[in-house]
Amino acid sequence: MAINSFEDLEIWQMARELASFIRVNATNQSFKNDFRFVSQINSAAGSVMDNIAEGFERDGNREFIQFLYIAKGSCGEVRSQAYRAFDADFFNQEQLNSILKITETLKFKINGLIMTLKNSGGKGYK
């Protein structure tokens, strides 16, 4: 299958699922009242998918790789914030486990694409 747009990337699709999962599960009343934390975890989750998309739309592997590293960092941020949310009783164990599973898988898949791009020989314009 040819990759013609960022929407075709499995990692972008997974990042979209992560962002949706976070938004849906950050709805309990105590979590909703912590506006700053809700905003922070939603922003980090959105950053994963947005950086994958922005990097894909650049004209070269080097910039794409740079944005993938940022996306991977945001994925780690979501993972860390999920622990904070669990410790504050905003997420239950099942929600935490789901987030940890998604972020762990996504981290490895992003890293795999980074390695593929680094070894591809094609560099593009930037």
PDB file of N, CA and C in Angstrom:
ATOM      1  N   MET A   1       0.838  -1.177   0.000  1.00  0.00           N
ATOM      2  CA  MET A   1       0.000   0.000   0.000  1.00  0.00           C
ATOM      3  C   MET A   1       0.888   1.248   0.000  1.00  0.00           C
ATOM      4  N   ALA A   2       0.592   2.143  -0.898  1.00  0.00           N
ATOM      5  CA  ALA A   2       1.346   3.395  -0.985  1.00  0.00           C
ATOM      6  C   ALA A   2       0.882   4.353   0.107  1.00  0.00           C
ATOM      7  N   ILE A   3       1.826   5.097   0.626  1.00  0.00           N
ATOM      8  CA  ILE A   3       1.524   6.121   1.629  1.00  0.00           C
ATOM      9  C   ILE A   3       1.457   7.450   0.879  1.00  0.00           C
ATOM     10  N   ASN A   4       0.252   7.978   0.739  1.00  0.00           N
ATOM     11  CA  ASN A   4       0.063   9.225   0.000  1.00  0.00           C
ATOM     12  C   ASN A   4      -0.228  10.420   0.902  1.00  0.00           C
ATOM     13  N   SER A   5      -0.606  10.145   2.132  1.00  0.00           N
ATOM     14  CA  SER A   5      -0.923  11.222   3.067  1.00  0.00           C
ATOM     15  C   SER A   5      -0.636  10.731   4.482  1.00  0.00           C
ATOM     16  N   PHE A   6      -0.532  11.675   5.388  1.00  0.00           N
ATOM     17  CA  PHE A   6      -0.253  11.279   6.775  1.00  0.00           C
ATOM     18  C   PHE A   6      -1.366  10.417   7.338  1.00  0.00           C
ATOM     19  N   GLU A   7      -2.591  10.587   6.827  1.00  0.00           N
ATOM     20  CA  GLU A   7      -3.709   9.761   7.306  1.00  0.00           C
ATOM     21  C   GLU A   7      -3.516   8.282   7.002  1.00  0.00           C
ATOM     22  N   ASP A   8      -2.649   7.968   6.019  1.00  0.00           N
ATOM     23  CA  ASP A   8      -2.358   6.577   5.670  1.00  0.00           C
ATOM     24  C   ASP A   8      -1.377   5.915   6.643  1.00  0.00           C
ATOM     25  N   LEU A   9      -0.685   6.732   7.431  1.00  0.00           N
ATOM     26  CA  LEU A   9       0.319   6.193   8.359  1.00  0.00           C
ATOM     27  C   LEU A   9      -0.343   5.530   9.559  1.00  0.00           C
ATOM     28  N   GLU A  10       0.053   4.305   9.835  1.00  0.00           N
ATOM     29  CA  GLU A  10      -0.480   3.583  10.991  1.00  0.00           C
ATOM     30  C   GLU A  10      -0.195   4.339  12.292  1.00  0.00           C
ATOM     31  N   ILE A  11       0.989   4.966  12.391  1.00  0.00           N
ATOM     32  CA  ILE A  11       1.316   5.674  13.628  1.00  0.00           C
ATOM     33  C   ILE A  11       0.421   6.894  13.825  1.00  0.00           C
ATOM     34  N   TRP A  12       0.047   7.563  12.738  1.00  0.00           N
ATOM     35  CA  TRP A  12      -0.866   8.704  12.875  1.00  0.00           C
ATOM     36  C   TRP A  12      -2.240   8.213  13.311  1.00  0.00           C
ATOM     37  N   GLN A  13      -2.694   7.102  12.744  1.00  0.00           N
ATOM     38  CA  GLN A  13      -3.992   6.535  13.127  1.00  0.00           C
ATOM     39  C   GLN A  13      -3.998   6.146  14.598  1.00  0.00           C
ATOM     40  N   MET A  14      -2.903   5.537  15.061  1.00  0.00           N
ATOM     41  CA  MET A  14      -2.801   5.171  16.482  1.00  0.00           C
ATOM     42  C   MET A  14      -2.758   6.408  17.369  1.00  0.00           C
ATOM     43  N   ALA A  15      -2.043   7.439  16.931  1.00  0.00           N
ATOM     44  CA  ALA A  15      -1.962   8.678  17.702  1.00  0.00           C
ATOM     45  C   ALA A  15      -3.339   9.342  17.784  1.00  0.00           C
ATOM     46  N   ARG A  16      -4.094   9.243  16.730  1.00  0.00           N
ATOM     47  CA  ARG A  16      -5.459   9.783  16.735  1.00  0.00           C
ATOM     48  C   ARG A  16      -6.319   9.029  17.746  1.00  0.00           C
ATOM     49  N   GLU A  17      -6.174   7.708  17.775  1.00  0.00           N
ATOM     50  CA  GLU A  17      -6.903   6.899  18.763  1.00  0.00           C
ATOM     51  C   GLU A  17      -6.497   7.281  20.178  1.00  0.00           C
ATOM     52  N   LEU A  18      -5.201   7.524  20.395  1.00  0.00           N
ATOM     53  CA  LEU A  18      -4.726   7.943  21.717  1.00  0.00           C
ATOM     54  C   LEU A  18      -5.363   9.262  22.126  1.00  0.00           C
ATOM     55  N   ALA A  19      -5.352  10.240  21.224  1.00  0.00           N
ATOM     56  CA  ALA A  19      -5.938  11.549  21.531  1.00  0.00           C
ATOM     57  C   ALA A  19      -7.425  11.421  21.847  1.00  0.00           C
ATOM     58  N   SER A  20      -8.119  10.593  21.096  1.00  0.00           N
ATOM     59  CA  SER A  20      -9.544  10.375  21.335  1.00  0.00           C
ATOM     60  C   SER A  20      -9.774   9.687  22.675  1.00  0.00           C
ATOM     61  N   PHE A  21      -8.957   8.675  22.972  1.00  0.00           N
ATOM     62  CA  PHE A  21      -9.080   7.950  24.234  1.00  0.00           C
ATOM     63  C   PHE A  21      -8.877   8.892  25.416  1.00  0.00           C
ATOM     64  N   ILE A  22      -7.862   9.739  25.326  1.00  0.00           N
ATOM     65  CA  ILE A  22      -7.590  10.689  26.410  1.00  0.00           C
ATOM     66  C   ILE A  22      -8.772  11.630  26.578  1.00  0.00           C
ATOM     67  N   ARG A  23      -9.268  12.189  25.494  1.00  0.00           N
ATOM     68  CA  ARG A  23     -10.373  13.150  25.574  1.00  0.00           C
ATOM     69  C   ARG A  23     -11.610  12.503  26.199  1.00  0.00           C
ATOM     70  N   VAL A  24     -11.935  11.302  25.770  1.00  0.00           N
ATOM     71  CA  VAL A  24     -13.120  10.620  26.287  1.00  0.00           C
ATOM     72  C   VAL A  24     -12.957  10.261  27.763  1.00  0.00           C
ATOM     73  N   ASN A  25     -11.753   9.853  28.138  1.00  0.00           N
ATOM     74  CA  ASN A  25     -11.545   9.367  29.506  1.00  0.00           C
ATOM     75  C   ASN A  25     -11.161  10.451  30.504  1.00  0.00           C
ATOM     76  N   ALA A  26     -10.970  11.652  30.038  1.00  0.00           N
ATOM     77  CA  ALA A  26     -10.673  12.762  30.952  1.00  0.00           C
ATOM     78  C   ALA A  26     -11.964  13.522  31.250  1.00  0.00           C
ATOM     79  N   THR A  27     -13.012  12.753  31.512  1.00  0.00           N
ATOM     80  CA  THR A  27     -14.327  13.383  31.694  1.00  0.00           C
ATOM     81  C   THR A  27     -14.907  13.218  33.086  1.00  0.00           C
ATOM     82  N   ASN A  28     -14.254  12.449  33.971  1.00  0.00           N
ATOM     83  CA  ASN A  28     -14.855  12.341  35.303  1.00  0.00           C
ATOM     84  C   ASN A  28     -14.810  13.706  35.980  1.00  0.00           C
ATOM     85  N   GLN A  29     -15.714  13.922  36.891  1.00  0.00           N
ATOM     86  CA  GLN A  29     -15.916  15.261  37.447  1.00  0.00           C
ATOM     87  C   GLN A  29     -14.674  15.842  38.102  1.00  0.00           C
ATOM     88  N   SER A  30     -13.942  15.039  38.876  1.00  0.00           N
ATOM     89  CA  SER A  30     -12.763  15.590  39.539  1.00  0.00           C
ATOM     90  C   SER A  30     -11.682  15.954  38.524  1.00  0.00           C
ATOM     91  N   PHE A  31     -11.537  15.162  37.484  1.00  0.00           N
ATOM     92  CA  PHE A  31     -10.547  15.453  36.446  1.00  0.00           C
ATOM     93  C   PHE A  31     -10.953  16.718  35.691  1.00  0.00           C
ATOM     94  N   LYS A  32     -12.221  16.829  35.353  1.00  0.00           N
ATOM     95  CA  LYS A  32     -12.694  17.993  34.603  1.00  0.00           C
ATOM     96  C   LYS A  32     -12.480  19.290  35.369  1.00  0.00           C
ATOM     97  N   ASN A  33     -12.481  19.225  36.688  1.00  0.00           N
ATOM     98  CA  ASN A  33     -12.292  20.429  37.491  1.00  0.00           C
ATOM     99  C   ASN A  33     -10.835  20.870  37.554  1.00  0.00           C
ATOM    100  N   ASP A  34      -9.920  20.005  37.171  1.00  0.00           N
ATOM    101  CA  ASP A  34      -8.503  20.360  37.115  1.00  0.00           C
ATOM    102  C   ASP A  34      -8.208  20.791  35.673  1.00  0.00           C
ATOM    103  N   PHE A  35      -8.682  21.985  35.335  1.00  0.00           N
ATOM    104  CA  PHE A  35      -8.658  22.469  33.954  1.00  0.00           C
ATOM    105  C   PHE A  35      -7.259  22.444  33.346  1.00  0.00           C
ATOM    106  N   ARG A  36      -6.283  22.855  34.123  1.00  0.00           N
ATOM    107  CA  ARG A  36      -4.908  22.925  33.601  1.00  0.00           C
ATOM    108  C   ARG A  36      -4.387  21.534  33.247  1.00  0.00           C
ATOM    109  N   PHE A  37      -4.639  20.572  34.109  1.00  0.00           N
ATOM    110  CA  PHE A  37      -4.154  19.215  33.861  1.00  0.00           C
ATOM    111  C   PHE A  37      -4.880  18.597  32.665  1.00  0.00           C
ATOM    112  N   VAL A  38      -6.189  18.775  32.587  1.00  0.00           N
ATOM    113  CA  VAL A  38      -6.958  18.252  31.453  1.00  0.00           C
ATOM    114  C   VAL A  38      -6.434  18.857  30.157  1.00  0.00           C
ATOM    115  N   SER A  39      -6.189  20.145  30.171  1.00  0.00           N
ATOM    116  CA  SER A  39      -5.664  20.820  28.985  1.00  0.00           C
ATOM    117  C   SER A  39      -4.284  20.282  28.618  1.00  0.00           C
ATOM    118  N   GLN A  40      -3.461  20.070  29.622  1.00  0.00           N
ATOM    119  CA  GLN A  40      -2.098  19.605  29.393  1.00  0.00           C
ATOM    120  C   GLN A  40      -2.072  18.202  28.780  1.00  0.00           C
ATOM    121  N   ILE A  41      -2.843  17.278  29.329  1.00  0.00           N
ATOM    122  CA  ILE A  41      -2.818  15.913  28.816  1.00  0.00           C
ATOM    123  C   ILE A  41      -3.479  15.835  27.432  1.00  0.00           C
ATOM    124  N   ASN A  42      -4.521  16.631  27.217  1.00  0.00           N
ATOM    125  CA  ASN A  42      -5.137  16.674  25.889  1.00  0.00           C
ATOM    126  C   ASN A  42      -4.191  17.276  24.860  1.00  0.00           C
ATOM    127  N   SER A  43      -3.475  18.312  25.239  1.00  0.00           N
ATOM    128  CA  SER A  43      -2.514  18.938  24.326  1.00  0.00           C
ATOM    129  C   SER A  43      -1.379  17.989  23.974  1.00  0.00           C
ATOM    130  N   ALA A  44      -0.874  17.281  24.958  1.00  0.00           N
ATOM    131  CA  ALA A  44       0.219  16.336  24.697  1.00  0.00           C
ATOM    132  C   ALA A  44      -0.234  15.220  23.762  1.00  0.00           C
ATOM    133  N   ALA A  45      -1.434  14.703  23.996  1.00  0.00           N
ATOM    134  CA  ALA A  45      -1.946  13.642  23.132  1.00  0.00           C
ATOM    135  C   ALA A  45      -2.159  14.154  21.709  1.00  0.00           C
ATOM    136  N   GLY A  46      -2.693  15.353  21.584  1.00  0.00           N
ATOM    137  CA  GLY A  46      -2.879  15.941  20.261  1.00  0.00           C
ATOM    138  C   GLY A  46      -1.553  16.231  19.578  1.00  0.00           C
ATOM    139  N   SER A  47      -0.544  16.574  20.358  1.00  0.00           N
ATOM    140  CA  SER A  47       0.779  16.866  19.818  1.00  0.00           C
ATOM    141  C   SER A  47       1.387  15.657  19.120  1.00  0.00           C
ATOM    142  N   VAL A  48       1.097  14.466  19.600  1.00  0.00           N
ATOM    143  CA  VAL A  48       1.639  13.259  18.972  1.00  0.00           C
ATOM    144  C   VAL A  48       1.159  13.196  17.527  1.00  0.00           C
ATOM    145  N   MET A  49      -0.145  13.255  17.322  1.00  0.00           N
ATOM    146  CA  MET A  49      -0.678  13.129  15.968  1.00  0.00           C
ATOM    147  C   MET A  49      -0.341  14.341  15.111  1.00  0.00           C
ATOM    148  N   ASP A  50      -0.349  15.526  15.709  1.00  0.00           N
ATOM    149  CA  ASP A  50      -0.078  16.742  14.942  1.00  0.00           C
ATOM    150  C   ASP A  50       1.366  16.801  14.451  1.00  0.00           C
ATOM    151  N   ASN A  51       2.305  16.372  15.274  1.00  0.00           N
ATOM    152  CA  ASN A  51       3.703  16.385  14.843  1.00  0.00           C
ATOM    153  C   ASN A  51       3.995  15.334  13.781  1.00  0.00           C
ATOM    154  N   ILE A  52       3.327  14.203  13.848  1.00  0.00           N
ATOM    155  CA  ILE A  52       3.464  13.210  12.782  1.00  0.00           C
ATOM    156  C   ILE A  52       2.962  13.805  11.467  1.00  0.00           C
ATOM    157  N   ALA A  53       1.808  14.450  11.525  1.00  0.00           N
ATOM    158  CA  ALA A  53       1.224  15.059  10.322  1.00  0.00           C
ATOM    159  C   ALA A  53       2.113  16.172   9.783  1.00  0.00           C
ATOM    160  N   GLU A  54       2.559  17.067  10.659  1.00  0.00           N
ATOM    161  CA  GLU A  54       3.375  18.194  10.198  1.00  0.00           C
ATOM    162  C   GLU A  54       4.690  17.704   9.599  1.00  0.00           C
ATOM    163  N   GLY A  55       5.315  16.747  10.245  1.00  0.00           N
ATOM    164  CA  GLY A  55       6.569  16.219   9.720  1.00  0.00           C
ATOM    165  C   GLY A  55       6.394  15.548   8.373  1.00  0.00           C
ATOM    166  N   PHE A  56       5.301  14.823   8.205  1.00  0.00           N
ATOM    167  CA  PHE A  56       5.027  14.163   6.933  1.00  0.00           C
ATOM    168  C   PHE A  56       4.893  15.179   5.805  1.00  0.00           C
ATOM    169  N   GLU A  57       4.302  16.323   6.115  1.00  0.00           N
ATOM    170  CA  GLU A  57       4.049  17.341   5.095  1.00  0.00           C
ATOM    171  C   GLU A  57       5.293  18.163   4.750  1.00  0.00           C
ATOM    172  N   ARG A  58       6.385  17.968   5.454  1.00  0.00           N
ATOM    173  CA  ARG A  58       7.640  18.654   5.135  1.00  0.00           C
ATOM    174  C   ARG A  58       8.270  17.997   3.910  1.00  0.00           C
ATOM    175  N   ASP A  59       9.274  18.647   3.358  1.00  0.00           N
ATOM    176  CA  ASP A  59       9.861  18.173   2.110  1.00  0.00           C
ATOM    177  C   ASP A  59      11.131  17.356   2.297  1.00  0.00           C
ATOM    178  N   GLY A  60      11.190  16.564   3.307  1.00  0.00           N
ATOM    179  CA  GLY A  60      12.389  15.742   3.436  1.00  0.00           C
ATOM    180  C   GLY A  60      12.412  14.911   4.694  1.00  0.00           C
ATOM    181  N   ASN A  61      13.234  13.881   4.629  1.00  0.00           N
ATOM    182  CA  ASN A  61      13.329  12.948   5.745  1.00  0.00           C
ATOM    183  C   ASN A  61      13.889  13.571   7.011  1.00  0.00           C
ATOM    184  N   ARG A  62      14.850  14.483   6.873  1.00  0.00           N
ATOM    185  CA  ARG A  62      15.458  15.052   8.083  1.00  0.00           C
ATOM    186  C   ARG A  62      14.433  15.782   8.936  1.00  0.00           C
ATOM    187  N   GLU A  63      13.607  16.608   8.292  1.00  0.00           N
ATOM    188  CA  GLU A  63      12.585  17.313   9.070  1.00  0.00           C
ATOM    189  C   GLU A  63      11.516  16.348   9.569  1.00  0.00           C
ATOM    190  N   PHE A  64      11.150  15.373   8.748  1.00  0.00           N
ATOM    191  CA  PHE A  64      10.161  14.387   9.188  1.00  0.00           C
ATOM    192  C   PHE A  64      10.680  13.668  10.424  1.00  0.00           C
ATOM    193  N   ILE A  65      11.927  13.263  10.392  1.00  0.00           N
ATOM    194  CA  ILE A  65      12.529  12.579  11.544  1.00  0.00           C
ATOM    195  C   ILE A  65      12.501  13.479  12.778  1.00  0.00           C
ATOM    196  N   GLN A  66      12.836  14.751  12.594  1.00  0.00           N
ATOM    197  CA  GLN A  66      12.814  15.697  13.721  1.00  0.00           C
ATOM    198  C   GLN A  66      11.422  15.752  14.346  1.00  0.00           C
ATOM    199  N   PHE A  67      10.385  15.847  13.517  1.00  0.00           N
ATOM    200  CA  PHE A  67       9.022  15.908  14.034  1.00  0.00           C
ATOM    201  C   PHE A  67       8.594  14.575  14.653  1.00  0.00           C
ATOM    202  N   LEU A  68       9.102  13.470  14.130  1.00  0.00           N
ATOM    203  CA  LEU A  68       8.795  12.167  14.735  1.00  0.00           C
ATOM    204  C   LEU A  68       9.401  12.072  16.131  1.00  0.00           C
ATOM    205  N   TYR A  69      10.596  12.614  16.308  1.00  0.00           N
ATOM    206  CA  TYR A  69      11.192  12.638  17.652  1.00  0.00           C
ATOM    207  C   TYR A  69      10.344  13.475  18.611  1.00  0.00           C
ATOM    208  N   ILE A  70       9.815  14.587  18.121  1.00  0.00           N
ATOM    209  CA  ILE A  70       8.941  15.416  18.966  1.00  0.00           C
ATOM    210  C   ILE A  70       7.669  14.640  19.312  1.00  0.00           C
ATOM    211  N   ALA A  71       7.105  13.949  18.322  1.00  0.00           N
ATOM    212  CA  ALA A  71       5.903  13.144  18.559  1.00  0.00           C
ATOM    213  C   ALA A  71       6.181  12.051  19.589  1.00  0.00           C
ATOM    214  N   LYS A  72       7.349  11.420  19.475  1.00  0.00           N
ATOM    215  CA  LYS A  72       7.736  10.371  20.428  1.00  0.00           C
ATOM    216  C   LYS A  72       7.872  10.948  21.834  1.00  0.00           C
ATOM    217  N   GLY A  73       8.429  12.159  21.930  1.00  0.00           N
ATOM    218  CA  GLY A  73       8.539  12.824  23.232  1.00  0.00           C
ATOM    219  C   GLY A  73       7.179  13.137  23.817  1.00  0.00           C
ATOM    220  N   SER A  74       6.256  13.597  22.980  1.00  0.00           N
ATOM    221  CA  SER A  74       4.897  13.882  23.452  1.00  0.00           C
ATOM    222  C   SER A  74       4.194  12.600  23.892  1.00  0.00           C
ATOM    223  N   CYS A  75       4.486  11.514  23.223  1.00  0.00           N
ATOM    224  CA  CYS A  75       3.923  10.221  23.618  1.00  0.00           C
ATOM    225  C   CYS A  75       4.396   9.863  25.031  1.00  0.00           C
ATOM    226  N   GLY A  76       5.674  10.098  25.310  1.00  0.00           N
ATOM    227  CA  GLY A  76       6.202   9.875  26.658  1.00  0.00           C
ATOM    228  C   GLY A  76       5.561  10.802  27.670  1.00  0.00           C
ATOM    229  N   GLU A  77       5.280  12.030  27.253  1.00  0.00           N
ATOM    230  CA  GLU A  77       4.620  12.981  28.146  1.00  0.00           C
ATOM    231  C   GLU A  77       3.218  12.489  28.516  1.00  0.00           C
ATOM    232  N   VAL A  78       2.481  11.980  27.542  1.00  0.00           N
ATOM    233  CA  VAL A  78       1.145  11.440  27.822  1.00  0.00           C
ATOM    234  C   VAL A  78       1.257  10.272  28.794  1.00  0.00           C
ATOM    235  N   ARG A  79       2.240   9.426  28.571  1.00  0.00           N
ATOM    236  CA  ARG A  79       2.453   8.260  29.445  1.00  0.00           C
ATOM    237  C   ARG A  79       2.701   8.705  30.887  1.00  0.00           C
ATOM    238  N   SER A  80       3.571   9.688  31.072  1.00  0.00           N
ATOM    239  CA  SER A  80       3.871  10.202  32.404  1.00  0.00           C
ATOM    240  C   SER A  80       2.638  10.849  33.030  1.00  0.00           C
ATOM    241  N   GLN A  81       1.911  11.629  32.258  1.00  0.00           N
ATOM    242  CA  GLN A  81       0.713  12.286  32.774  1.00  0.00           C
ATOM    243  C   GLN A  81      -0.366  11.267  33.132  1.00  0.00           C
ATOM    244  N   ALA A  82      -0.395  10.147  32.420  1.00  0.00           N
ATOM    245  CA  ALA A  82      -1.369   9.097  32.753  1.00  0.00           C
ATOM    246  C   ALA A  82      -1.103   8.550  34.153  1.00  0.00           C
ATOM    247  N   TYR A  83       0.168   8.390  34.497  1.00  0.00           N
ATOM    248  CA  TYR A  83       0.500   7.961  35.858  1.00  0.00           C
ATOM    249  C   TYR A  83       0.052   9.009  36.878  1.00  0.00           C
ATOM    250  N   ARG A  84       0.285  10.286  36.560  1.00  0.00           N
ATOM    251  CA  ARG A  84      -0.166  11.349  37.463  1.00  0.00           C
ATOM    252  C   ARG A  84      -1.674  11.318  37.630  1.00  0.00           C
ATOM    253  N   ALA A  85      -2.389  11.109  36.541  1.00  0.00           N
ATOM    254  CA  ALA A  85      -3.858  11.055  36.603  1.00  0.00           C
ATOM    255  C   ALA A  85      -4.311   9.850  37.414  1.00  0.00           C
ATOM    256  N   PHE A  86      -3.627   8.735  37.261  1.00  0.00           N
ATOM    257  CA  PHE A  86      -3.958   7.542  38.047  1.00  0.00           C
ATOM    258  C   PHE A  86      -3.696   7.796  39.533  1.00  0.00           C
ATOM    259  N   ASP A  87      -2.556   8.384  39.837  1.00  0.00           N
ATOM    260  CA  ASP A  87      -2.205   8.666  41.234  1.00  0.00           C
ATOM    261  C   ASP A  87      -3.183   9.644  41.895  1.00  0.00           C
ATOM    262  N   ALA A  88      -3.809  10.493  41.081  1.00  0.00           N
ATOM    263  CA  ALA A  88      -4.791  11.454  41.603  1.00  0.00           C
ATOM    264  C   ALA A  88      -6.216  10.890  41.556  1.00  0.00           C
ATOM    265  N   ASP A  89      -6.345   9.612  41.228  1.00  0.00           N
ATOM    266  CA  ASP A  89      -7.639   8.931  41.102  1.00  0.00           C
ATOM    267  C   ASP A  89      -8.518   9.510  39.994  1.00  0.00           C
ATOM    268  N   PHE A  90      -7.888  10.102  38.980  1.00  0.00           N
ATOM    269  CA  PHE A  90      -8.633  10.574  37.820  1.00  0.00           C
ATOM    270  C   PHE A  90      -8.833   9.436  36.815  1.00  0.00           C
ATOM    271  N   PHE A  91      -7.866   8.521  36.713  1.00  0.00           N
ATOM    272  CA  PHE A  91      -7.960   7.329  35.874  1.00  0.00           C
ATOM    273  C   PHE A  91      -7.975   6.103  36.773  1.00  0.00           C
ATOM    274  N   ASN A  92      -8.727   5.090  36.372  1.00  0.00           N
ATOM    275  CA  ASN A  92      -8.687   3.820  37.084  1.00  0.00           C
ATOM    276  C   ASN A  92      -7.598   2.929  36.467  1.00  0.00           C
ATOM    277  N   GLN A  93      -7.378   1.773  37.048  1.00  0.00           N
ATOM    278  CA  GLN A  93      -6.301   0.881  36.589  1.00  0.00           C
ATOM    279  C   GLN A  93      -6.500   0.458  35.134  1.00  0.00           C
ATOM    280  N   GLU A  94      -7.722   0.180  34.742  1.00  0.00           N
ATOM    281  CA  GLU A  94      -8.001  -0.245  33.362  1.00  0.00           C
ATOM    282  C   GLU A  94      -7.677   0.876  32.365  1.00  0.00           C
ATOM    283  N   GLN A  95      -8.050   2.101  32.700  1.00  0.00           N
ATOM    284  CA  GLN A  95      -7.744   3.240  31.828  1.00  0.00           C
ATOM    285  C   GLN A  95      -6.237   3.441  31.722  1.00  0.00           C
ATOM    286  N   LEU A  96      -5.561   3.380  32.865  1.00  0.00           N
ATOM    287  CA  LEU A  96      -4.110   3.521  32.867  1.00  0.00           C
ATOM    288  C   LEU A  96      -3.466   2.448  31.996  1.00  0.00           C
ATOM    289  N   ASN A  97      -3.874   1.205  32.183  1.00  0.00           N
ATOM    290  CA  ASN A  97      -3.295   0.110  31.399  1.00  0.00           C
ATOM    291  C   ASN A  97      -3.505   0.315  29.902  1.00  0.00           C
ATOM    292  N   SER A  98      -4.674   0.795  29.518  1.00  0.00           N
ATOM    293  CA  SER A  98      -4.950   1.049  28.098  1.00  0.00           C
ATOM    294  C   SER A  98      -4.022   2.121  27.545  1.00  0.00           C
ATOM    295  N   ILE A  99      -3.843   3.196  28.291  1.00  0.00           N
ATOM    296  CA  ILE A  99      -2.967   4.278  27.848  1.00  0.00           C
ATOM    297  C   ILE A  99      -1.520   3.793  27.762  1.00  0.00           C
ATOM    298  N   LEU A 100      -1.091   3.036  28.760  1.00  0.00           N
ATOM    299  CA  LEU A 100       0.276   2.522  28.748  1.00  0.00           C
ATOM    300  C   LEU A 100       0.509   1.611  27.551  1.00  0.00           C
ATOM    301  N   LYS A 101      -0.457   0.780  27.234  1.00  0.00           N
ATOM    302  CA  LYS A 101      -0.336  -0.131  26.086  1.00  0.00           C
ATOM    303  C   LYS A 101      -0.250   0.654  24.780  1.00  0.00           C
ATOM    304  N   ILE A 102      -1.131   1.623  24.608  1.00  0.00           N
ATOM    305  CA  ILE A 102      -1.136   2.423  23.378  1.00  0.00           C
ATOM    306  C   ILE A 102       0.179   3.198  23.243  1.00  0.00           C
ATOM    307  N   THR A 103       0.604   3.866  24.317  1.00  0.00           N
ATOM    308  CA  THR A 103       1.805   4.695  24.230  1.00  0.00           C
ATOM    309  C   THR A 103       3.064   3.860  24.024  1.00  0.00           C
ATOM    310  N   GLU A 104       3.115   2.699  24.629  1.00  0.00           N
ATOM    311  CA  GLU A 104       4.282   1.820  24.457  1.00  0.00           C
ATOM    312  C   GLU A 104       4.367   1.331  23.010  1.00  0.00           C
ATOM    313  N   THR A 105       3.257   0.885  22.467  1.00  0.00           N
ATOM    314  CA  THR A 105       3.229   0.425  21.074  1.00  0.00           C
ATOM    315  C   THR A 105       3.578   1.562  20.132  1.00  0.00           C
ATOM    316  N   LEU A 106       2.980   2.717  20.369  1.00  0.00           N
ATOM    317  CA  LEU A 106       3.213   3.873  19.519  1.00  0.00           C
ATOM    318  C   LEU A 106       4.673   4.308  19.560  1.00  0.00           C
ATOM    319  N   LYS A 107       5.268   4.291  20.731  1.00  0.00           N
ATOM    320  CA  LYS A 107       6.682   4.656  20.873  1.00  0.00           C
ATOM    321  C   LYS A 107       7.567   3.772  19.992  1.00  0.00           C
ATOM    322  N   PHE A 108       7.338   2.487  20.020  1.00  0.00           N
ATOM    323  CA  PHE A 108       8.153   1.564  19.234  1.00  0.00           C
ATOM    324  C   PHE A 108       7.907   1.718  17.739  1.00  0.00           C
ATOM    325  N   LYS A 109       6.670   1.972  17.362  1.00  0.00           N
ATOM    326  CA  LYS A 109       6.358   2.151  15.943  1.00  0.00           C
ATOM    327  C   LYS A 109       6.934   3.464  15.405  1.00  0.00           C
ATOM    328  N   ILE A 110       6.868   4.521  16.189  1.00  0.00           N
ATOM    329  CA  ILE A 110       7.481   5.791  15.770  1.00  0.00           C
ATOM    330  C   ILE A 110       8.980   5.597  15.616  1.00  0.00           C
ATOM    331  N   ASN A 111       9.600   4.945  16.592  1.00  0.00           N
ATOM    332  CA  ASN A 111      11.039   4.699  16.523  1.00  0.00           C
ATOM    333  C   ASN A 111      11.390   3.850  15.306  1.00  0.00           C
ATOM    334  N   GLY A 112      10.555   2.877  14.979  1.00  0.00           N
ATOM    335  CA  GLY A 112      10.786   2.045  13.800  1.00  0.00           C
ATOM    336  C   GLY A 112      10.763   2.865  12.520  1.00  0.00           C
ATOM    337  N   LEU A 113       9.833   3.799  12.415  1.00  0.00           N
ATOM    338  CA  LEU A 113       9.776   4.654  11.233  1.00  0.00           C
ATOM    339  C   LEU A 113      10.991   5.581  11.186  1.00  0.00           C
ATOM    340  N   ILE A 114      11.407   6.085  12.322  1.00  0.00           N
ATOM    341  CA  ILE A 114      12.616   6.920  12.362  1.00  0.00           C
ATOM    342  C   ILE A 114      13.809   6.137  11.817  1.00  0.00           C
ATOM    343  N   MET A 115      13.988   4.910  12.283  1.00  0.00           N
ATOM    344  CA  MET A 115      15.123   4.091  11.824  1.00  0.00           C
ATOM    345  C   MET A 115      15.013   3.790  10.330  1.00  0.00           C
ATOM    346  N   THR A 116      13.809   3.510   9.863  1.00  0.00           N
ATOM    347  CA  THR A 116      13.599   3.250   8.437  1.00  0.00           C
ATOM    348  C   THR A 116      13.976   4.473   7.610  1.00  0.00           C
ATOM    349  N   LEU A 117      13.531   5.646   8.033  1.00  0.00           N
ATOM    350  CA  LEU A 117      13.843   6.876   7.300  1.00  0.00           C
ATOM    351  C   LEU A 117      15.344   7.179   7.338  1.00  0.00           C
ATOM    352  N   LYS A 118      15.981   6.953   8.468  1.00  0.00           N
ATOM    353  CA  LYS A 118      17.415   7.214   8.582  1.00  0.00           C
ATOM    354  C   LYS A 118      18.215   6.310   7.644  1.00  0.00           C
ATOM    355  N   ASN A 119      17.721   5.096   7.445  1.00  0.00           N
ATOM    356  CA  ASN A 119      18.451   4.119   6.643  1.00  0.00           C
ATOM    357  C   ASN A 119      17.997   4.062   5.190  1.00  0.00           C
ATOM    358  N   SER A 120      17.047   4.894   4.806  1.00  0.00           N
ATOM    359  CA  SER A 120      16.459   4.798   3.469  1.00  0.00           C
ATOM    360  C   SER A 120      17.334   5.388   2.376  1.00  0.00           C
ATOM    361  N   GLY A 121      18.208   6.295   2.733  1.00  0.00           N
ATOM    362  CA  GLY A 121      19.037   6.926   1.708  1.00  0.00           C
ATOM    363  C   GLY A 121      18.362   8.116   1.066  1.00  0.00           C
ATOM    364  N   GLY A 122      17.030   8.156   1.014  1.00  0.00           N
ATOM    365  CA  GLY A 122      16.315   9.289   0.445  1.00  0.00           C
ATOM    366  C   GLY A 122      16.252  10.400   1.454  1.00  0.00           C
ATOM    367  N   LYS A 123      16.622  11.585   1.063  1.00  0.00           N
ATOM    368  CA  LYS A 123      16.667  12.684   2.020  1.00  0.00           C
ATOM    369  C   LYS A 123      15.663  13.784   1.703  1.00  0.00           C
ATOM    370  N   GLY A 124      15.242  13.926   0.458  1.00  0.00           N
ATOM    371  CA  GLY A 124      14.335  15.012   0.123  1.00  0.00           C
ATOM    372  C   GLY A 124      15.046  16.342   0.134  1.00  0.00           C
ATOM    373  N   TYR A 125      14.300  17.421   0.265  1.00  0.00           N
ATOM    374  CA  TYR A 125      14.874  18.768   0.213  1.00  0.00           C
ATOM    375  C   TYR A 125      15.427  19.229   1.539  1.00  0.00           C
ATOM    376  N   LYS A 126      14.870  18.782   2.638  1.00  0.00           N
ATOM    377  CA  LYS A 126      15.281  19.285   3.953  1.00  0.00           C
ATOM    378  C   LYS A 126      15.587  18.138   4.883  1.00  0.00           C
TER     379      LYS A 126
END
